[in-house]
Amino acid sequence: MILIHLSQKAKAISYLLISSIQFENNISTVNKFFRFNDLYTEAEKFYEIKAYLTCLAYLNEALSFGIPLPNNRLSEAFEFRGLIKMQLSQYLASIIDFNKAIELNPENGSIYYYRYLAHSVLSQYEEAIEDCKKLIALEPDNESHQKDLNSLEEIFRLNQRFKNLKE
């Protein structure tokens, strides 16, 4: 009888310990969530004053927490980091962030817009054209996207002609 009583106490204590650990983990996650938002807000402030390296440092720290956030919030953070990297002329790195943002939120047209700009700067016209077409599909009422696509296709044709002349 005493053994059973001790066993039940041990179970109760272990349950309390497990609950306490889970509670601590939840508090830690909540704290990280608030810290993420604070860092993101600071990054936005530094972006406004064109302090891009500082902005990037804040955003990198915010993304390093690895906390579970809604896909649209994470996508927004990766899109923002891609924009910062474009401002720093880190176009390949910005494309990687835009890819991640699109993976998390493929219906956000602005990400395709920024990614096609980055591809264009790198003379990756085929990729830029594909992104522009996707942007048109997402935002068919925006006439400027069709004009941008026409320009990209013309640049691509001229680039192909120039390559053929060199050969």
Foldseek 3Di string as FASTA:
>chain_A
DVVVVVVVVVVVVVVVVVVVVVVVVVVVLVVLVVLLVVLQVVLVVCVVVPVLVSSLVSLVVNVVVPHDDQLQVQLVSLQVNLVSCVSVVVLVSSLVSLVSSCVSPVLDLVSLVSNLVSCVVVVVLVSSLVSLVSSCVSPVPDPVSVVVNVVSVVVVVVVVVVVVVVD
